PDB file of all heavy atoms in Angstrom:
ATOM      1  N   GLY A   1       0.774  -1.213  -0.017  1.00  0.00           N
ATOM      2  CA  GLY A   1       0.038  -0.061   0.004  1.00  0.00           C
ATOM      3  C   GLY A   1       0.867   1.323  -0.009  1.00  0.00           C
ATOM      4  O   GLY A   1       0.514   2.285  -0.748  1.00  0.00           O
ATOM      5  N   VAL A   2       1.981   1.219   0.736  1.00  0.00           N
ATOM      6  CA  VAL A   2       2.856   2.377   0.760  1.00  0.00           C
ATOM      7  C   VAL A   2       3.504   2.621  -0.567  1.00  0.00           C
ATOM      8  O   VAL A   2       3.560   3.704  -1.012  1.00  0.00           O
ATOM      9  CB  VAL A   2       3.899   2.198   1.880  1.00  0.00           C
ATOM     10  CG1 VAL A   2       5.076   3.272   1.784  1.00  0.00           C
ATOM     11  CG2 VAL A   2       3.254   2.239   3.264  1.00  0.00           C
ATOM     12  N   GLU A   3       4.020   1.567  -1.154  1.00  0.00           N
ATOM     13  CA  GLU A   3       4.607   1.746  -2.525  1.00  0.00           C
ATOM     14  C   GLU A   3       3.580   2.263  -3.596  1.00  0.00           C
ATOM     15  O   GLU A   3       3.976   3.152  -4.363  1.00  0.00           O
ATOM     16  CB  GLU A   3       5.162   0.354  -2.987  1.00  0.00           C
ATOM     17  CG  GLU A   3       6.375  -0.088  -2.239  1.00  0.00           C
ATOM     18  CD  GLU A   3       6.765  -1.574  -2.465  1.00  0.00           C
ATOM     19  OE1 GLU A   3       5.798  -2.396  -2.595  1.00  0.00           O
ATOM     20  OE2 GLU A   3       7.944  -1.850  -2.545  1.00  0.00           O
ATOM     21  N   VAL A   4       2.380   1.640  -3.534  1.00  0.00           N
ATOM     22  CA  VAL A   4       1.307   2.073  -4.488  1.00  0.00           C
ATOM     23  C   VAL A   4       1.044   3.480  -4.276  1.00  0.00           C
ATOM     24  O   VAL A   4       0.913   4.230  -5.238  1.00  0.00           O
ATOM     25  CB  VAL A   4       0.162   1.192  -4.330  1.00  0.00           C
ATOM     26  CG1 VAL A   4      -1.130   1.777  -5.105  1.00  0.00           C
ATOM     27  CG2 VAL A   4       0.418  -0.203  -4.753  1.00  0.00           C
ATOM     28  N   THR A   5       0.870   3.944  -3.068  1.00  0.00           N
ATOM     29  CA  THR A   5       0.459   5.375  -2.758  1.00  0.00           C
ATOM     30  C   THR A   5       1.587   6.322  -3.228  1.00  0.00           C
ATOM     31  O   THR A   5       1.252   7.276  -3.885  1.00  0.00           O
ATOM     32  CB  THR A   5       0.262   5.507  -1.205  1.00  0.00           C
ATOM     33  OG1 THR A   5      -0.731   4.615  -0.784  1.00  0.00           O
ATOM     34  CG2 THR A   5      -0.117   6.975  -0.975  1.00  0.00           C
ATOM     35  N   SER A   6       2.743   5.933  -3.054  1.00  0.00           N
ATOM     36  CA  SER A   6       3.880   6.837  -3.520  1.00  0.00           C
ATOM     37  C   SER A   6       3.772   7.061  -5.053  1.00  0.00           C
ATOM     38  O   SER A   6       4.007   8.086  -5.503  1.00  0.00           O
ATOM     39  CB  SER A   6       5.262   6.297  -3.038  1.00  0.00           C
ATOM     40  OG  SER A   6       5.417   6.311  -1.742  1.00  0.00           O
ATOM     41  N   LEU A   7       3.582   5.911  -5.729  1.00  0.00           N
ATOM     42  CA  LEU A   7       3.439   5.967  -7.174  1.00  0.00           C
ATOM     43  C   LEU A   7       2.329   6.674  -7.651  1.00  0.00           C
ATOM     44  O   LEU A   7       2.359   7.466  -8.635  1.00  0.00           O
ATOM     45  CB  LEU A   7       3.524   4.532  -7.755  1.00  0.00           C
ATOM     46  CG  LEU A   7       4.865   3.822  -7.545  1.00  0.00           C
ATOM     47  CD1 LEU A   7       4.694   2.226  -7.883  1.00  0.00           C
ATOM     48  CD2 LEU A   7       6.011   4.411  -8.461  1.00  0.00           C
ATOM     49  N   ILE A   8       1.242   6.422  -7.065  1.00  0.00           N
ATOM     50  CA  ILE A   8      -0.085   7.038  -7.362  1.00  0.00           C
ATOM     51  C   ILE A   8       0.041   8.579  -7.257  1.00  0.00           C
ATOM     52  O   ILE A   8      -0.360   9.335  -8.068  1.00  0.00           O
ATOM     53  CB  ILE A   8      -1.335   6.504  -6.558  1.00  0.00           C
ATOM     54  CG1 ILE A   8      -1.616   5.090  -6.942  1.00  0.00           C
ATOM     55  CG2 ILE A   8      -2.470   7.488  -6.717  1.00  0.00           C
ATOM     56  CD1 ILE A   8      -2.368   4.875  -8.209  1.00  0.00           C
ATOM     57  N   LYS A   9       0.505   8.915  -6.091  1.00  0.00           N
ATOM     58  CA  LYS A   9       0.682  10.375  -5.807  1.00  0.00           C
ATOM     59  C   LYS A   9       1.581  11.082  -6.818  1.00  0.00           C
ATOM     60  O   LYS A   9       1.408  12.351  -6.997  1.00  0.00           O
ATOM     61  CB  LYS A   9       1.056  10.691  -4.419  1.00  0.00           C
ATOM     62  CG  LYS A   9       0.127  10.176  -3.315  1.00  0.00           C
ATOM     63  CD  LYS A   9      -1.371  10.590  -3.708  1.00  0.00           C
ATOM     64  CE  LYS A   9      -1.714  12.002  -3.355  1.00  0.00           C
ATOM     65  NZ  LYS A   9      -3.084  12.344  -3.614  1.00  0.00           N
ATOM     66  N   ARG A  10       2.555  10.429  -7.382  1.00  0.00           N
ATOM     67  CA  ARG A  10       3.414  11.050  -8.361  1.00  0.00           C
ATOM     68  C   ARG A  10       2.659  11.275  -9.686  1.00  0.00           C
ATOM     69  O   ARG A  10       2.871  12.251 -10.333  1.00  0.00           O
ATOM     70  CB  ARG A  10       4.651  10.211  -8.605  1.00  0.00           C
ATOM     71  CG  ARG A  10       5.665  10.383  -7.536  1.00  0.00           C
ATOM     72  CD  ARG A  10       6.997   9.695  -7.927  1.00  0.00           C
ATOM     73  NE  ARG A  10       7.438   9.074  -6.757  1.00  0.00           N
ATOM     74  CZ  ARG A  10       8.087   7.932  -6.680  1.00  0.00           C
ATOM     75  NH1 ARG A  10       8.276   7.204  -7.758  1.00  0.00           N
ATOM     76  NH2 ARG A  10       8.470   7.462  -5.513  1.00  0.00           N
ATOM     77  N   GLY A  11       1.958  10.225 -10.110  1.00  0.00           N
ATOM     78  CA  GLY A  11       1.298  10.203 -11.455  1.00  0.00           C
ATOM     79  C   GLY A  11      -0.124  10.764 -11.443  1.00  0.00           C
ATOM     80  O   GLY A  11      -0.597  11.282 -12.430  1.00  0.00           O
ATOM     81  N   LEU A  12      -0.817  10.559 -10.349  1.00  0.00           N
ATOM     82  CA  LEU A  12      -2.263  10.925 -10.347  1.00  0.00           C
ATOM     83  C   LEU A  12      -2.554  11.646  -8.996  1.00  0.00           C
ATOM     84  O   LEU A  12      -3.286  11.128  -8.102  1.00  0.00           O
ATOM     85  CB  LEU A  12      -3.238   9.760 -10.521  1.00  0.00           C
ATOM     86  CG  LEU A  12      -3.134   9.014 -11.836  1.00  0.00           C
ATOM     87  CD1 LEU A  12      -3.741   7.729 -11.817  1.00  0.00           C
ATOM     88  CD2 LEU A  12      -3.691   9.873 -13.008  1.00  0.00           C
ATOM     89  N   PRO A  13      -1.929  12.832  -8.698  1.00  0.00           N
ATOM     90  CA  PRO A  13      -1.981  13.438  -7.395  1.00  0.00           C
ATOM     91  C   PRO A  13      -3.331  13.814  -6.982  1.00  0.00           C
ATOM     92  O   PRO A  13      -3.587  14.018  -5.846  1.00  0.00           O
ATOM     93  CB  PRO A  13      -1.017  14.635  -7.558  1.00  0.00           C
ATOM     94  CG  PRO A  13      -1.051  14.950  -9.051  1.00  0.00           C
ATOM     95  CD  PRO A  13      -1.176  13.624  -9.721  1.00  0.00           C
ATOM     96  N   GLN A  14      -4.327  13.955  -7.872  1.00  0.00           N
ATOM     97  CA  GLN A  14      -5.721  14.307  -7.531  1.00  0.00           C
ATOM     98  C   GLN A  14      -6.536  13.204  -6.706  1.00  0.00           C
ATOM     99  O   GLN A  14      -7.472  13.500  -6.212  1.00  0.00           O
ATOM    100  CB  GLN A  14      -6.525  14.830  -8.722  1.00  0.00           C
ATOM    101  CG  GLN A  14      -6.874  13.685  -9.705  1.00  0.00           C
ATOM    102  CD  GLN A  14      -5.789  13.247 -10.630  1.00  0.00           C
ATOM    103  OE1 GLN A  14      -4.639  13.643 -10.543  1.00  0.00           O
ATOM    104  NE2 GLN A  14      -6.114  12.422 -11.640  1.00  0.00           N
ATOM    105  N   ILE A  15      -5.991  12.025  -6.949  1.00  0.00           N
ATOM    106  CA  ILE A  15      -6.637  10.884  -6.370  1.00  0.00           C
ATOM    107  C   ILE A  15      -6.378  10.837  -4.811  1.00  0.00           C
ATOM    108  O   ILE A  15      -5.097  11.005  -4.466  1.00  0.00           O
ATOM    109  CB  ILE A  15      -6.246   9.465  -6.922  1.00  0.00           C
ATOM    110  CG1 ILE A  15      -6.662   9.461  -8.388  1.00  0.00           C
ATOM    111  CG2 ILE A  15      -6.787   8.348  -6.153  1.00  0.00           C
ATOM    112  CD1 ILE A  15      -6.201   8.180  -9.183  1.00  0.00           C
ATOM    113  N   GLN A  16      -7.410  10.749  -3.996  1.00  0.00           N
ATOM    114  CA  GLN A  16      -7.237  10.610  -2.557  1.00  0.00           C
ATOM    115  C   GLN A  16      -7.035   9.243  -2.100  1.00  0.00           C
ATOM    116  O   GLN A  16      -7.890   8.349  -2.449  1.00  0.00           O
ATOM    117  CB  GLN A  16      -8.463  11.258  -1.812  1.00  0.00           C
ATOM    118  CG  GLN A  16      -8.709  12.743  -2.168  1.00  0.00           C
ATOM    119  CD  GLN A  16      -7.609  13.602  -1.719  1.00  0.00           C
ATOM    120  OE1 GLN A  16      -7.048  13.534  -0.548  1.00  0.00           O
ATOM    121  NE2 GLN A  16      -7.244  14.569  -2.590  1.00  0.00           N
ATOM    122  N   VAL A  17      -5.860   8.940  -1.563  1.00  0.00           N
ATOM    123  CA  VAL A  17      -5.533   7.574  -1.098  1.00  0.00           C
ATOM    124  C   VAL A  17      -5.764   7.483   0.361  1.00  0.00           C
ATOM    125  O   VAL A  17      -5.181   8.257   1.169  1.00  0.00           O
ATOM    126  CB  VAL A  17      -4.140   7.193  -1.496  1.00  0.00           C
ATOM    127  CG1 VAL A  17      -3.870   5.787  -1.018  1.00  0.00           C
ATOM    128  CG2 VAL A  17      -3.915   7.312  -2.956  1.00  0.00           C
ATOM    129  N   VAL A  18      -6.587   6.486   0.870  1.00  0.00           N
ATOM    130  CA  VAL A  18      -6.871   6.171   2.166  1.00  0.00           C
ATOM    131  C   VAL A  18      -6.347   4.770   2.414  1.00  0.00           C
ATOM    132  O   VAL A  18      -6.739   3.820   1.833  1.00  0.00           O
ATOM    133  CB  VAL A  18      -8.384   6.244   2.520  1.00  0.00           C
ATOM    134  CG1 VAL A  18      -8.578   5.879   3.999  1.00  0.00           C
ATOM    135  CG2 VAL A  18      -8.892   7.638   2.152  1.00  0.00           C
ATOM    136  N   ILE A  19      -5.326   4.694   3.333  1.00  0.00           N
ATOM    137  CA  ILE A  19      -4.768   3.395   3.612  1.00  0.00           C
ATOM    138  C   ILE A  19      -5.569   2.736   4.690  1.00  0.00           C
ATOM    139  O   ILE A  19      -5.942   3.311   5.746  1.00  0.00           O
ATOM    140  CB  ILE A  19      -3.295   3.591   4.153  1.00  0.00           C
ATOM    141  CG1 ILE A  19      -2.415   4.304   3.125  1.00  0.00           C
ATOM    142  CG2 ILE A  19      -2.743   2.169   4.612  1.00  0.00           C
ATOM    143  CD1 ILE A  19      -1.747   3.458   2.138  1.00  0.00           C
ATOM    144  N   LEU A  20      -5.739   1.392   4.540  1.00  0.00           N
ATOM    145  CA  LEU A  20      -6.526   0.599   5.522  1.00  0.00           C
ATOM    146  C   LEU A  20      -5.499  -0.202   6.270  1.00  0.00           C
ATOM    147  O   LEU A  20      -4.770  -1.003   5.752  1.00  0.00           O
ATOM    148  CB  LEU A  20      -7.575  -0.321   4.759  1.00  0.00           C
ATOM    149  CG  LEU A  20      -8.504   0.351   3.897  1.00  0.00           C
ATOM    150  CD1 LEU A  20      -9.418  -0.675   3.031  1.00  0.00           C
ATOM    151  CD2 LEU A  20      -9.398   1.338   4.627  1.00  0.00           C
ATOM    152  N   LEU A  21      -5.547   0.052   7.578  1.00  0.00           N
ATOM    153  CA  LEU A  21      -4.615  -0.715   8.465  1.00  0.00           C
ATOM    154  C   LEU A  21      -5.460  -1.823   9.240  1.00  0.00           C
ATOM    155  O   LEU A  21      -6.580  -1.664   9.545  1.00  0.00           O
ATOM    156  CB  LEU A  21      -4.019   0.247   9.512  1.00  0.00           C
ATOM    157  CG  LEU A  21      -3.225   1.410   9.062  1.00  0.00           C
ATOM    158  CD1 LEU A  21      -2.761   2.317  10.137  1.00  0.00           C
ATOM    159  CD2 LEU A  21      -1.986   0.852   8.305  1.00  0.00           C
ATOM    160  N   ASP A  22      -4.651  -2.947   9.474  1.00  0.00           N
ATOM    161  CA  ASP A  22      -5.250  -3.947  10.362  1.00  0.00           C
ATOM    162  C   ASP A  22      -5.385  -3.545  11.757  1.00  0.00           C
ATOM    163  O   ASP A  22      -6.260  -3.865  12.490  1.00  0.00           O
ATOM    164  CB  ASP A  22      -4.368  -5.253  10.247  1.00  0.00           C
ATOM    165  CG  ASP A  22      -4.482  -5.897   8.853  1.00  0.00           C
ATOM    166  OD1 ASP A  22      -5.555  -5.808   8.265  1.00  0.00           O
ATOM    167  OD2 ASP A  22      -3.463  -6.460   8.500  1.00  0.00           O
ATOM    168  N   GLU A  23      -4.367  -2.719  12.226  1.00  0.00           N
ATOM    169  CA  GLU A  23      -4.399  -2.235  13.517  1.00  0.00           C
ATOM    170  C   GLU A  23      -3.496  -0.956  13.563  1.00  0.00           C
ATOM    171  O   GLU A  23      -2.694  -0.790  12.756  1.00  0.00           O
ATOM    172  CB  GLU A  23      -3.742  -3.136  14.520  1.00  0.00           C
ATOM    173  CG  GLU A  23      -2.281  -3.575  14.178  1.00  0.00           C
ATOM    174  CD  GLU A  23      -1.707  -4.614  15.188  1.00  0.00           C
ATOM    175  OE1 GLU A  23      -2.481  -5.509  15.617  1.00  0.00           O
ATOM    176  OE2 GLU A  23      -0.571  -4.517  15.436  1.00  0.00           O
ATOM    177  N   GLU A  24      -3.704  -0.076  14.524  1.00  0.00           N
ATOM    178  CA  GLU A  24      -2.915   1.166  14.649  1.00  0.00           C
ATOM    179  C   GLU A  24      -1.676   0.956  15.353  1.00  0.00           C
ATOM    180  O   GLU A  24      -1.669   0.492  16.564  1.00  0.00           O
ATOM    181  CB  GLU A  24      -3.809   2.165  15.453  1.00  0.00           C
ATOM    182  CG  GLU A  24      -4.154   3.389  14.720  1.00  0.00           C
ATOM    183  CD  GLU A  24      -5.150   4.197  15.464  1.00  0.00           C
ATOM    184  OE1 GLU A  24      -5.923   3.738  16.308  1.00  0.00           O
ATOM    185  OE2 GLU A  24      -5.192   5.403  15.194  1.00  0.00           O
ATOM    186  N   ASN A  25      -0.579   1.179  14.762  1.00  0.00           N
ATOM    187  CA  ASN A  25       0.724   1.207  15.450  1.00  0.00           C
ATOM    188  C   ASN A  25       1.613   2.377  14.822  1.00  0.00           C
ATOM    189  O   ASN A  25       1.431   2.757  13.653  1.00  0.00           O
ATOM    190  CB  ASN A  25       1.383  -0.176  15.281  1.00  0.00           C
ATOM    191  CG  ASN A  25       1.812  -0.539  13.889  1.00  0.00           C
ATOM    192  OD1 ASN A  25       2.652   0.133  13.323  1.00  0.00           O
ATOM    193  ND2 ASN A  25       1.137  -1.604  13.434  1.00  0.00           N
ATOM    194  N   GLU A  26       2.574   2.796  15.619  1.00  0.00           N
ATOM    195  CA  GLU A  26       3.288   3.967  15.280  1.00  0.00           C
ATOM    196  C   GLU A  26       4.142   3.737  13.971  1.00  0.00           C
ATOM    197  O   GLU A  26       4.238   4.752  13.100  1.00  0.00           O
ATOM    198  CB  GLU A  26       4.323   4.345  16.366  1.00  0.00           C
ATOM    199  CG  GLU A  26       3.704   5.035  17.528  1.00  0.00           C
ATOM    200  CD  GLU A  26       4.660   5.446  18.568  1.00  0.00           C
ATOM    201  OE1 GLU A  26       5.727   5.933  18.172  1.00  0.00           O
ATOM    202  OE2 GLU A  26       4.422   5.246  19.735  1.00  0.00           O
ATOM    203  N   ARG A  27       4.688   2.610  13.696  1.00  0.00           N
ATOM    204  CA  ARG A  27       5.398   2.317  12.525  1.00  0.00           C
ATOM    205  C   ARG A  27       4.670   2.467  11.230  1.00  0.00           C
ATOM    206  O   ARG A  27       5.022   3.158  10.279  1.00  0.00           O
ATOM    207  CB  ARG A  27       6.192   0.887  12.584  1.00  0.00           C
ATOM    208  CG  ARG A  27       6.988   0.551  11.395  1.00  0.00           C
ATOM    209  CD  ARG A  27       7.536  -0.891  11.426  1.00  0.00           C
ATOM    210  NE  ARG A  27       6.518  -1.835  11.821  1.00  0.00           N
ATOM    211  CZ  ARG A  27       5.774  -2.538  10.896  1.00  0.00           C
ATOM    212  NH1 ARG A  27       5.962  -2.295   9.647  1.00  0.00           N
ATOM    213  NH2 ARG A  27       4.868  -3.419  11.254  1.00  0.00           N
TER     214      ARG A  27
END
């Protein structure tokens, strides 16, 4: 998800990306 988001934001910055986490942790 992190790799995809970085690539999407470079090529299609208008798309809002919301990452889905299994659990909340600082890392």
